Amino acid sequence: MASIGKRFVSRPLLLGVLALGTALASPLAAKDSLGVYSSWAAFRDPGTPRCYAIAKPSSATTRRDYAPFASIATWPKSSVRNQVHLRLSREIAKSATIRLTVGGKRFDLTGGGGDAWAKDASMDAAIVAAMRSATRMSVRTRDKGGRAFTDRYQLAGAATAIDAALLGCARLR
């Protein structure tokens, strides 16, 4: 077990989350780790500047076009806080509805290619609020071939990682 602050995380999980964070974030050299919290991690990129909480899905479809992840980002220079972004496992059909379910709450997202976002800042805030009290979330849509698929996420550690990202960017301007 590795100790991170007062949290203990298994070494394989720690290595997997750190590898995910570095694989998903570019350029690699510009990232500072802010911590690993269960299945979520937080990073700071002072060069941009931005900070974000990020996780890979606990389950996704076996056929993938992309490496899926969910992130909640803060961009201090743009006054953007807790922006929701999902990289889906497949390319989305042009007219497909992208439905995010967090606990019992449903949100219809916008997006294209392999990416999905909240429609506006108020939806970002509602999604993050729902994430804080839920144990899991899923995003469901149709791929470019018309097949339905779902990417599922565990939310253990999400609230702490989101808070770490917010604090990590509190002084970046």
N, C-alpha and C. Protein backbone atom coordinates (compact mmCIF):
# COMPACT_ATOMS: atom_id res chain seq x y z
N MET A 1 0.83 -1.18 0.00
CA MET A 1 0.00 0.00 0.00
C MET A 1 0.88 1.25 0.00
N ALA A 2 0.49 2.23 -0.77
CA ALA A 2 1.20 3.50 -0.77
C ALA A 2 0.38 4.51 0.01
N SER A 3 1.05 5.34 0.76
CA SER A 3 0.36 6.35 1.54
C SER A 3 0.35 7.66 0.78
N ILE A 4 -0.80 8.26 0.63
CA ILE A 4 -0.94 9.56 0.00
C ILE A 4 -1.68 10.41 1.01
N GLY A 5 -0.94 11.29 1.67
CA GLY A 5 -1.56 12.03 2.76
C GLY A 5 -2.00 11.03 3.80
N LYS A 6 -3.27 11.03 4.13
CA LYS A 6 -3.80 10.07 5.10
C LYS A 6 -4.56 8.96 4.41
N ARG A 7 -4.51 8.91 3.07
CA ARG A 7 -5.21 7.88 2.32
C ARG A 7 -4.22 6.80 1.93
N PHE A 8 -4.69 5.56 1.88
CA PHE A 8 -3.86 4.46 1.45
C PHE A 8 -4.44 3.90 0.16
N VAL A 9 -3.57 3.70 -0.81
CA VAL A 9 -3.99 3.25 -2.13
C VAL A 9 -3.09 2.09 -2.52
N SER A 10 -3.65 1.06 -3.13
CA SER A 10 -2.82 -0.06 -3.58
C SER A 10 -1.87 0.43 -4.66
N ARG A 11 -0.66 -0.12 -4.69
CA ARG A 11 0.34 0.31 -5.67
C ARG A 11 -0.14 0.13 -7.12
N PRO A 12 -0.78 -0.99 -7.48
CA PRO A 12 -1.26 -1.11 -8.86
C PRO A 12 -2.27 -0.02 -9.22
N LEU A 13 -3.19 0.31 -8.30
CA LEU A 13 -4.17 1.36 -8.57
C LEU A 13 -3.47 2.70 -8.71
N LEU A 14 -2.55 2.99 -7.79
CA LEU A 14 -1.81 4.25 -7.82
C LEU A 14 -1.06 4.38 -9.15
N LEU A 15 -0.35 3.33 -9.54
CA LEU A 15 0.40 3.38 -10.80
C LEU A 15 -0.53 3.52 -12.00
N GLY A 16 -1.67 2.84 -11.95
CA GLY A 16 -2.63 2.93 -13.05
C GLY A 16 -3.21 4.32 -13.21
N VAL A 17 -3.59 4.93 -12.10
CA VAL A 17 -4.17 6.28 -12.16
C VAL A 17 -3.12 7.29 -12.59
N LEU A 18 -1.90 7.18 -12.05
CA LEU A 18 -0.84 8.10 -12.46
C LEU A 18 -0.50 7.92 -13.94
N ALA A 19 -0.48 6.69 -14.42
CA ALA A 19 -0.22 6.44 -15.83
C ALA A 19 -1.34 7.04 -16.68
N LEU A 20 -2.59 6.88 -16.22
CA LEU A 20 -3.73 7.46 -16.94
C LEU A 20 -3.58 8.97 -17.04
N GLY A 21 -3.29 9.59 -15.92
CA GLY A 21 -3.17 11.05 -15.91
C GLY A 21 -2.08 11.54 -16.83
N THR A 22 -0.95 10.88 -16.83
CA THR A 22 0.12 11.33 -17.71
C THR A 22 -0.17 10.98 -19.16
N ALA A 23 -0.85 9.89 -19.41
CA ALA A 23 -1.17 9.52 -20.79
C ALA A 23 -2.21 10.45 -21.40
N LEU A 24 -3.13 10.93 -20.58
CA LEU A 24 -4.22 11.75 -21.10
C LEU A 24 -3.86 13.22 -21.18
N ALA A 25 -2.91 13.65 -20.40
CA ALA A 25 -2.57 15.07 -20.33
C ALA A 25 -1.35 15.35 -21.19
N SER A 26 -1.43 16.43 -21.98
CA SER A 26 -0.29 16.77 -22.81
C SER A 26 -0.03 18.27 -22.71
N PRO A 27 1.18 18.76 -22.80
CA PRO A 27 2.41 17.98 -22.84
C PRO A 27 2.73 17.40 -21.48
N LEU A 28 3.39 16.27 -21.45
CA LEU A 28 3.61 15.54 -20.22
C LEU A 28 4.44 16.31 -19.21
N ALA A 29 5.46 17.00 -19.63
CA ALA A 29 6.39 17.65 -18.71
C ALA A 29 5.76 18.79 -17.92
N ALA A 30 4.63 19.30 -18.34
CA ALA A 30 4.05 20.48 -17.72
C ALA A 30 3.09 20.16 -16.57
N LYS A 31 2.90 18.90 -16.21
CA LYS A 31 1.89 18.53 -15.23
C LYS A 31 2.46 18.32 -13.84
N ASP A 32 1.76 18.83 -12.83
CA ASP A 32 2.08 18.57 -11.43
C ASP A 32 0.96 17.72 -10.86
N SER A 33 1.30 16.61 -10.21
CA SER A 33 0.28 15.79 -9.57
C SER A 33 -0.17 16.45 -8.28
N LEU A 34 -1.48 16.55 -8.11
CA LEU A 34 -2.06 17.10 -6.89
C LEU A 34 -2.59 16.01 -5.98
N GLY A 35 -2.57 14.76 -6.43
CA GLY A 35 -2.99 13.65 -5.60
C GLY A 35 -3.85 12.65 -6.33
N VAL A 36 -3.94 11.46 -5.74
CA VAL A 36 -4.78 10.38 -6.23
C VAL A 36 -5.79 10.08 -5.13
N TYR A 37 -7.05 10.04 -5.50
CA TYR A 37 -8.15 9.87 -4.55
C TYR A 37 -9.06 8.76 -5.06
N SER A 38 -8.83 7.56 -4.60
CA SER A 38 -9.57 6.39 -5.04
C SER A 38 -9.40 6.23 -6.55
N SER A 39 -10.46 6.32 -7.33
CA SER A 39 -10.35 6.13 -8.78
C SER A 39 -10.15 7.44 -9.55
N TRP A 40 -9.96 8.55 -8.85
CA TRP A 40 -9.76 9.86 -9.46
C TRP A 40 -8.40 10.42 -9.09
N ALA A 41 -7.85 11.27 -9.95
CA ALA A 41 -6.59 11.96 -9.68
C ALA A 41 -6.77 13.43 -10.03
N ALA A 42 -5.91 14.27 -9.48
CA ALA A 42 -5.95 15.71 -9.76
C ALA A 42 -4.57 16.17 -10.23
N PHE A 43 -4.56 17.07 -11.21
CA PHE A 43 -3.32 17.58 -11.78
C PHE A 43 -3.41 19.09 -11.98
N ARG A 44 -2.22 19.72 -12.01
CA ARG A 44 -2.11 21.16 -12.29
C ARG A 44 -1.15 21.31 -13.46
N ASP A 45 -1.52 22.17 -14.39
CA ASP A 45 -0.66 22.53 -15.52
C ASP A 45 -0.43 24.03 -15.42
N PRO A 46 0.63 24.46 -14.71
CA PRO A 46 0.84 25.90 -14.50
C PRO A 46 1.15 26.66 -15.78
N GLY A 47 1.64 25.99 -16.81
CA GLY A 47 1.95 26.66 -18.06
C GLY A 47 0.73 27.16 -18.80
N THR A 48 -0.42 26.49 -18.65
CA THR A 48 -1.61 26.86 -19.42
C THR A 48 -2.33 28.08 -18.87
N PRO A 49 -2.59 28.34 -17.65
CA PRO A 49 -2.73 27.46 -16.49
C PRO A 49 -4.11 26.81 -16.44
N ARG A 50 -4.12 25.61 -15.90
CA ARG A 50 -5.37 24.86 -15.69
C ARG A 50 -5.11 23.78 -14.65
N CYS A 51 -6.18 23.33 -14.02
CA CYS A 51 -6.13 22.21 -13.08
C CYS A 51 -7.33 21.34 -13.37
N TYR A 52 -7.19 20.05 -13.12
CA TYR A 52 -8.31 19.16 -13.43
C TYR A 52 -8.29 17.90 -12.60
N ALA A 53 -9.48 17.37 -12.37
CA ALA A 53 -9.69 16.05 -11.80
C ALA A 53 -10.00 15.14 -12.97
N ILE A 54 -9.49 13.90 -12.93
CA ILE A 54 -9.64 13.02 -14.08
C ILE A 54 -9.76 11.57 -13.63
N ALA A 55 -10.52 10.78 -14.40
CA ALA A 55 -10.66 9.35 -14.12
C ALA A 55 -10.91 8.61 -15.42
N LYS A 56 -10.54 7.35 -15.42
CA LYS A 56 -10.91 6.50 -16.54
C LYS A 56 -12.16 5.72 -16.13
N PRO A 57 -12.92 5.24 -17.08
CA PRO A 57 -14.15 4.52 -16.72
C PRO A 57 -13.85 3.19 -16.02
N SER A 58 -14.77 2.80 -15.15
CA SER A 58 -14.66 1.49 -14.51
C SER A 58 -15.04 0.41 -15.49
N SER A 59 -15.90 0.76 -16.44
CA SER A 59 -16.23 -0.14 -17.53
C SER A 59 -16.60 0.69 -18.74
N ALA A 60 -16.18 0.21 -19.86
CA ALA A 60 -16.51 0.84 -21.15
C ALA A 60 -16.67 -0.30 -22.14
N THR A 61 -17.19 0.02 -23.27
CA THR A 61 -17.37 -1.01 -24.28
C THR A 61 -16.01 -1.58 -24.68
N THR A 62 -16.00 -2.81 -25.12
CA THR A 62 -14.74 -3.44 -25.49
C THR A 62 -14.16 -2.87 -26.77
N ARG A 63 -15.02 -2.51 -27.71
CA ARG A 63 -14.54 -1.88 -28.95
C ARG A 63 -14.40 -0.40 -28.69
N ARG A 64 -13.19 0.12 -28.89
CA ARG A 64 -12.94 1.54 -28.61
C ARG A 64 -12.30 2.23 -29.80
N ASP A 65 -12.73 3.47 -30.01
CA ASP A 65 -12.08 4.35 -30.98
C ASP A 65 -11.09 5.26 -30.26
N TYR A 66 -11.34 5.52 -28.97
CA TYR A 66 -10.54 6.45 -28.17
C TYR A 66 -10.30 5.86 -26.78
N ALA A 67 -9.33 6.42 -26.06
CA ALA A 67 -9.11 6.08 -24.65
C ALA A 67 -10.04 6.98 -23.83
N PRO A 68 -11.12 6.45 -23.27
CA PRO A 68 -12.11 7.29 -22.60
C PRO A 68 -11.64 7.79 -21.24
N PHE A 69 -12.16 8.98 -20.86
CA PHE A 69 -11.93 9.55 -19.54
C PHE A 69 -12.99 10.60 -19.25
N ALA A 70 -13.12 10.92 -17.98
CA ALA A 70 -13.97 12.04 -17.54
C ALA A 70 -13.06 13.03 -16.84
N SER A 71 -13.26 14.32 -17.09
CA SER A 71 -12.46 15.32 -16.41
C SER A 71 -13.34 16.51 -16.01
N ILE A 72 -12.92 17.13 -14.92
CA ILE A 72 -13.55 18.35 -14.42
C ILE A 72 -12.42 19.36 -14.32
N ALA A 73 -12.43 20.40 -15.15
CA ALA A 73 -11.29 21.31 -15.27
C ALA A 73 -11.62 22.74 -14.82
N THR A 74 -10.59 23.40 -14.34
CA THR A 74 -10.65 24.81 -13.97
C THR A 74 -9.59 25.54 -14.79
N TRP A 75 -10.00 26.65 -15.41
CA TRP A 75 -9.12 27.48 -16.25
C TRP A 75 -9.13 28.89 -15.66
N PRO A 76 -8.24 29.22 -14.72
CA PRO A 76 -8.32 30.50 -14.01
C PRO A 76 -8.24 31.75 -14.90
N LYS A 77 -7.44 31.74 -15.95
CA LYS A 77 -7.33 32.93 -16.81
C LYS A 77 -8.63 33.22 -17.56
N SER A 78 -9.42 32.18 -17.79
CA SER A 78 -10.70 32.34 -18.49
C SER A 78 -11.88 32.40 -17.53
N SER A 79 -11.61 32.38 -16.23
CA SER A 79 -12.65 32.39 -15.20
C SER A 79 -13.62 31.22 -15.38
N VAL A 80 -13.12 30.07 -15.77
CA VAL A 80 -13.93 28.86 -15.93
C VAL A 80 -13.63 27.93 -14.77
N ARG A 81 -14.68 27.48 -14.09
CA ARG A 81 -14.57 26.58 -12.95
C ARG A 81 -15.38 25.32 -13.19
N ASN A 82 -14.79 24.19 -12.89
CA ASN A 82 -15.48 22.90 -12.92
C ASN A 82 -16.17 22.62 -14.25
N GLN A 83 -15.43 22.73 -15.34
CA GLN A 83 -15.97 22.43 -16.67
C GLN A 83 -15.91 20.92 -16.90
N VAL A 84 -17.05 20.34 -17.21
CA VAL A 84 -17.18 18.90 -17.43
C VAL A 84 -16.80 18.55 -18.86
N HIS A 85 -15.94 17.55 -19.01
CA HIS A 85 -15.56 17.05 -20.33
C HIS A 85 -15.46 15.53 -20.25
N LEU A 86 -16.08 14.85 -21.19
CA LEU A 86 -15.99 13.40 -21.29
C LEU A 86 -15.41 13.04 -22.64
N ARG A 87 -14.36 12.24 -22.62
CA ARG A 87 -13.84 11.66 -23.85
C ARG A 87 -14.47 10.27 -23.89
N LEU A 88 -15.29 10.03 -24.89
CA LEU A 88 -16.04 8.78 -24.98
C LEU A 88 -15.20 7.69 -25.62
N SER A 89 -15.61 6.46 -25.43
CA SER A 89 -14.84 5.34 -25.97
C SER A 89 -15.02 5.15 -27.48
N ARG A 90 -16.07 5.73 -28.04
CA ARG A 90 -16.33 5.59 -29.48
C ARG A 90 -16.68 6.93 -30.10
N GLU A 91 -16.58 6.98 -31.41
CA GLU A 91 -16.99 8.18 -32.14
C GLU A 91 -18.51 8.25 -32.13
N ILE A 92 -19.04 9.42 -31.84
CA ILE A 92 -20.48 9.63 -31.67
C ILE A 92 -21.15 9.83 -33.04
N ALA A 93 -22.34 9.25 -33.20
CA ALA A 93 -23.15 9.52 -34.39
C ALA A 93 -23.53 11.00 -34.40
N LYS A 94 -23.61 11.60 -35.55
CA LYS A 94 -23.87 13.04 -35.65
C LYS A 94 -25.16 13.50 -34.97
N SER A 95 -26.21 12.73 -35.03
CA SER A 95 -27.49 13.16 -34.47
C SER A 95 -27.81 12.48 -33.14
N ALA A 96 -26.84 11.82 -32.53
CA ALA A 96 -27.11 11.04 -31.32
C ALA A 96 -27.30 11.94 -30.10
N THR A 97 -28.20 11.51 -29.23
CA THR A 97 -28.35 12.13 -27.92
C THR A 97 -27.26 11.57 -27.02
N ILE A 98 -26.60 12.44 -26.26
CA ILE A 98 -25.55 12.02 -25.33
C ILE A 98 -26.13 12.22 -23.93
N ARG A 99 -26.43 11.14 -23.25
CA ARG A 99 -27.09 11.21 -21.94
C ARG A 99 -26.14 10.82 -20.83
N LEU A 100 -25.91 11.74 -19.92
CA LEU A 100 -25.11 11.48 -18.73
C LEU A 100 -26.06 11.26 -17.57
N THR A 101 -25.87 10.17 -16.83
CA THR A 101 -26.67 9.88 -15.65
C THR A 101 -25.74 9.87 -14.45
N VAL A 102 -26.04 10.72 -13.48
CA VAL A 102 -25.23 10.83 -12.26
C VAL A 102 -26.18 10.55 -11.10
N GLY A 103 -25.98 9.41 -10.42
CA GLY A 103 -26.96 9.01 -9.42
C GLY A 103 -28.28 8.85 -10.15
N GLY A 104 -29.34 9.52 -9.72
CA GLY A 104 -30.63 9.46 -10.40
C GLY A 104 -30.90 10.64 -11.31
N LYS A 105 -29.93 11.53 -11.50
CA LYS A 105 -30.13 12.73 -12.32
C LYS A 105 -29.61 12.50 -13.72
N ARG A 106 -30.36 13.02 -14.71
CA ARG A 106 -29.99 12.86 -16.11
C ARG A 106 -29.70 14.22 -16.73
N PHE A 107 -28.68 14.23 -17.59
CA PHE A 107 -28.27 15.44 -18.29
C PHE A 107 -28.02 15.10 -19.75
N ASP A 108 -28.59 15.88 -20.66
CA ASP A 108 -28.32 15.72 -22.08
C ASP A 108 -27.17 16.65 -22.44
N LEU A 109 -26.05 16.05 -22.85
CA LEU A 109 -24.83 16.78 -23.14
C LEU A 109 -24.77 17.17 -24.61
N THR A 110 -23.80 17.99 -24.94
CA THR A 110 -23.51 18.33 -26.32
C THR A 110 -22.14 17.75 -26.66
N GLY A 111 -21.86 17.58 -27.94
CA GLY A 111 -20.55 17.05 -28.30
C GLY A 111 -20.47 16.63 -29.74
N GLY A 112 -19.35 16.02 -30.05
CA GLY A 112 -19.12 15.54 -31.40
C GLY A 112 -17.80 14.79 -31.44
N GLY A 113 -17.60 14.01 -32.49
CA GLY A 113 -16.39 13.20 -32.55
C GLY A 113 -16.43 12.20 -31.42
N GLY A 114 -15.48 12.30 -30.51
CA GLY A 114 -15.45 11.44 -29.33
C GLY A 114 -15.59 12.21 -28.04
N ASP A 115 -16.04 13.46 -28.10
CA ASP A 115 -16.08 14.32 -26.92
C ASP A 115 -17.49 14.78 -26.58
N ALA A 116 -17.73 14.96 -25.28
CA ALA A 116 -19.02 15.46 -24.81
C ALA A 116 -18.78 16.46 -23.68
N TRP A 117 -19.63 17.49 -23.62
CA TRP A 117 -19.54 18.54 -22.62
C TRP A 117 -20.93 18.90 -22.13
N ALA A 118 -20.98 19.56 -20.99
CA ALA A 118 -22.22 20.17 -20.53
C ALA A 118 -22.55 21.30 -21.51
N LYS A 119 -23.83 21.65 -21.61
CA LYS A 119 -24.24 22.68 -22.57
C LYS A 119 -23.86 24.08 -22.13
N ASP A 120 -23.70 24.30 -20.82
CA ASP A 120 -23.34 25.62 -20.31
C ASP A 120 -22.80 25.50 -18.89
N ALA A 121 -22.39 26.63 -18.33
CA ALA A 121 -21.80 26.64 -16.99
C ALA A 121 -22.78 26.19 -15.91
N SER A 122 -24.06 26.50 -16.07
CA SER A 122 -25.02 26.07 -15.05
C SER A 122 -25.20 24.55 -15.08
N MET A 123 -25.12 23.94 -16.25
CA MET A 123 -25.19 22.48 -16.32
C MET A 123 -23.91 21.88 -15.74
N ASP A 124 -22.74 22.49 -16.01
CA ASP A 124 -21.50 22.03 -15.37
C ASP A 124 -21.68 21.98 -13.86
N ALA A 125 -22.20 23.07 -13.29
CA ALA A 125 -22.39 23.16 -11.83
C ALA A 125 -23.35 22.10 -11.33
N ALA A 126 -24.43 21.86 -12.05
CA ALA A 126 -25.41 20.85 -11.64
C ALA A 126 -24.81 19.44 -11.70
N ILE A 127 -24.01 19.17 -12.72
CA ILE A 127 -23.36 17.85 -12.84
C ILE A 127 -22.38 17.64 -11.69
N VAL A 128 -21.55 18.64 -11.42
CA VAL A 128 -20.57 18.51 -10.34
C VAL A 128 -21.28 18.35 -8.99
N ALA A 129 -22.35 19.08 -8.77
CA ALA A 129 -23.12 18.93 -7.53
C ALA A 129 -23.67 17.51 -7.42
N ALA A 130 -24.19 16.98 -8.51
CA ALA A 130 -24.71 15.61 -8.49
C ALA A 130 -23.59 14.60 -8.25
N MET A 131 -22.42 14.83 -8.82
CA MET A 131 -21.28 13.94 -8.63
C MET A 131 -20.86 13.86 -7.17
N ARG A 132 -21.01 14.96 -6.45
CA ARG A 132 -20.58 15.00 -5.05
C ARG A 132 -21.41 14.08 -4.15
N SER A 133 -22.63 13.78 -4.56
CA SER A 133 -23.49 12.95 -3.70
C SER A 133 -23.80 11.58 -4.30
N ALA A 134 -23.29 11.29 -5.47
CA ALA A 134 -23.57 10.01 -6.13
C ALA A 134 -22.37 9.06 -6.00
N THR A 135 -22.61 7.79 -6.25
CA THR A 135 -21.52 6.80 -6.20
C THR A 135 -21.03 6.40 -7.58
N ARG A 136 -21.85 6.69 -8.60
CA ARG A 136 -21.43 6.34 -9.96
C ARG A 136 -22.14 7.23 -10.98
N MET A 137 -21.57 7.23 -12.18
CA MET A 137 -22.19 7.95 -13.29
C MET A 137 -21.93 7.15 -14.56
N SER A 138 -22.76 7.39 -15.55
CA SER A 138 -22.59 6.72 -16.84
C SER A 138 -22.97 7.68 -17.95
N VAL A 139 -22.36 7.51 -19.08
CA VAL A 139 -22.71 8.28 -20.27
C VAL A 139 -23.07 7.27 -21.36
N ARG A 140 -24.23 7.51 -21.97
CA ARG A 140 -24.77 6.58 -22.98
C ARG A 140 -25.12 7.37 -24.23
N THR A 141 -24.75 6.80 -25.37
CA THR A 141 -25.07 7.41 -26.66
C THR A 141 -24.97 6.34 -27.75
N ARG A 142 -24.98 6.77 -29.00
CA ARG A 142 -24.85 5.85 -30.13
C ARG A 142 -23.58 6.21 -30.90
N ASP A 143 -22.90 5.17 -31.38
CA ASP A 143 -21.69 5.42 -32.16
C ASP A 143 -22.06 5.71 -33.61
N LYS A 144 -21.06 6.03 -34.42
CA LYS A 144 -21.32 6.40 -35.82
C LYS A 144 -21.96 5.28 -36.62
N GLY A 145 -21.89 4.03 -36.14
CA GLY A 145 -22.57 2.90 -36.78
C GLY A 145 -23.99 2.70 -36.27
N GLY A 146 -24.43 3.55 -35.32
CA GLY A 146 -25.78 3.46 -34.79
C GLY A 146 -25.92 2.55 -33.57
N ARG A 147 -24.81 1.96 -33.11
CA ARG A 147 -24.86 1.05 -31.96
C ARG A 147 -24.78 1.83 -30.66
N ALA A 148 -25.65 1.47 -29.70
CA ALA A 148 -25.63 2.10 -28.39
C ALA A 148 -24.41 1.61 -27.61
N PHE A 149 -23.82 2.51 -26.83
CA PHE A 149 -22.72 2.12 -25.94
C PHE A 149 -22.77 3.00 -24.70
N THR A 150 -22.16 2.50 -23.63
CA THR A 150 -22.16 3.18 -22.34
C THR A 150 -20.76 3.11 -21.73
N ASP A 151 -20.29 4.24 -21.21
CA ASP A 151 -19.07 4.30 -20.42
C ASP A 151 -19.49 4.59 -18.99
N ARG A 152 -18.99 3.79 -18.02
CA ARG A 152 -19.41 3.91 -16.61
C ARG A 152 -18.23 4.30 -15.73
N TYR A 153 -18.51 5.16 -14.75
CA TYR A 153 -17.48 5.68 -13.84
C TYR A 153 -17.89 5.49 -12.39
N GLN A 154 -16.93 5.13 -11.56
CA GLN A 154 -17.12 5.14 -10.11
C GLN A 154 -16.78 6.56 -9.64
N LEU A 155 -17.50 7.07 -8.67
CA LEU A 155 -17.28 8.44 -8.22
C LEU A 155 -16.56 8.53 -6.88
N ALA A 156 -16.13 7.40 -6.33
CA ALA A 156 -15.36 7.45 -5.08
C ALA A 156 -14.10 8.28 -5.34
N GLY A 157 -13.89 9.31 -4.55
CA GLY A 157 -12.72 10.18 -4.68
C GLY A 157 -12.92 11.35 -5.62
N ALA A 158 -14.02 11.38 -6.38
CA ALA A 158 -14.23 12.45 -7.35
C ALA A 158 -14.33 13.82 -6.68
N ALA A 159 -15.11 13.94 -5.62
CA ALA A 159 -15.28 15.24 -4.96
C ALA A 159 -13.95 15.75 -4.41
N THR A 160 -13.16 14.87 -3.83
CA THR A 160 -11.86 15.29 -3.28
C THR A 160 -10.91 15.70 -4.40
N ALA A 161 -10.90 14.96 -5.51
CA ALA A 161 -10.04 15.32 -6.65
C ALA A 161 -10.48 16.65 -7.26
N ILE A 162 -11.78 16.88 -7.36
CA ILE A 162 -12.30 18.15 -7.88
C ILE A 162 -11.86 19.30 -6.97
N ASP A 163 -11.98 19.10 -5.65
CA ASP A 163 -11.56 20.13 -4.70
C ASP A 163 -10.06 20.38 -4.79
N ALA A 164 -9.27 19.31 -4.93
CA ALA A 164 -7.81 19.46 -5.06
C ALA A 164 -7.47 20.26 -6.31
N ALA A 165 -8.18 20.03 -7.40
CA ALA A 165 -7.95 20.79 -8.64
C ALA A 165 -8.32 22.25 -8.46
N LEU A 166 -9.43 22.52 -7.79
CA LEU A 166 -9.81 23.92 -7.53
C LEU A 166 -8.77 24.63 -6.68
N LEU A 167 -8.32 23.97 -5.62
CA LEU A 167 -7.29 24.56 -4.77
C LEU A 167 -5.97 24.70 -5.49
N GLY A 168 -5.66 23.75 -6.34
CA GLY A 168 -4.40 23.80 -7.10
C GLY A 168 -4.32 24.98 -8.03
N CYS A 169 -5.45 25.49 -8.48
CA CYS A 169 -5.47 26.64 -9.38
C CYS A 169 -5.89 27.93 -8.68
N ALA A 170 -6.08 27.89 -7.38
CA ALA A 170 -6.56 29.08 -6.66
C ALA A 170 -5.62 30.27 -6.83
N ARG A 171 -4.33 30.03 -6.95
CA ARG A 171 -3.37 31.14 -7.04
C ARG A 171 -2.81 31.32 -8.45
N LEU A 172 -3.21 30.49 -9.40
CA LEU A 172 -2.75 30.62 -10.78
C LEU A 172 -3.62 31.63 -11.51
N ARG A 173 -3.02 32.55 -12.18
CA ARG A 173 -3.77 33.55 -12.95
C ARG A 173 -3.07 33.85 -14.24
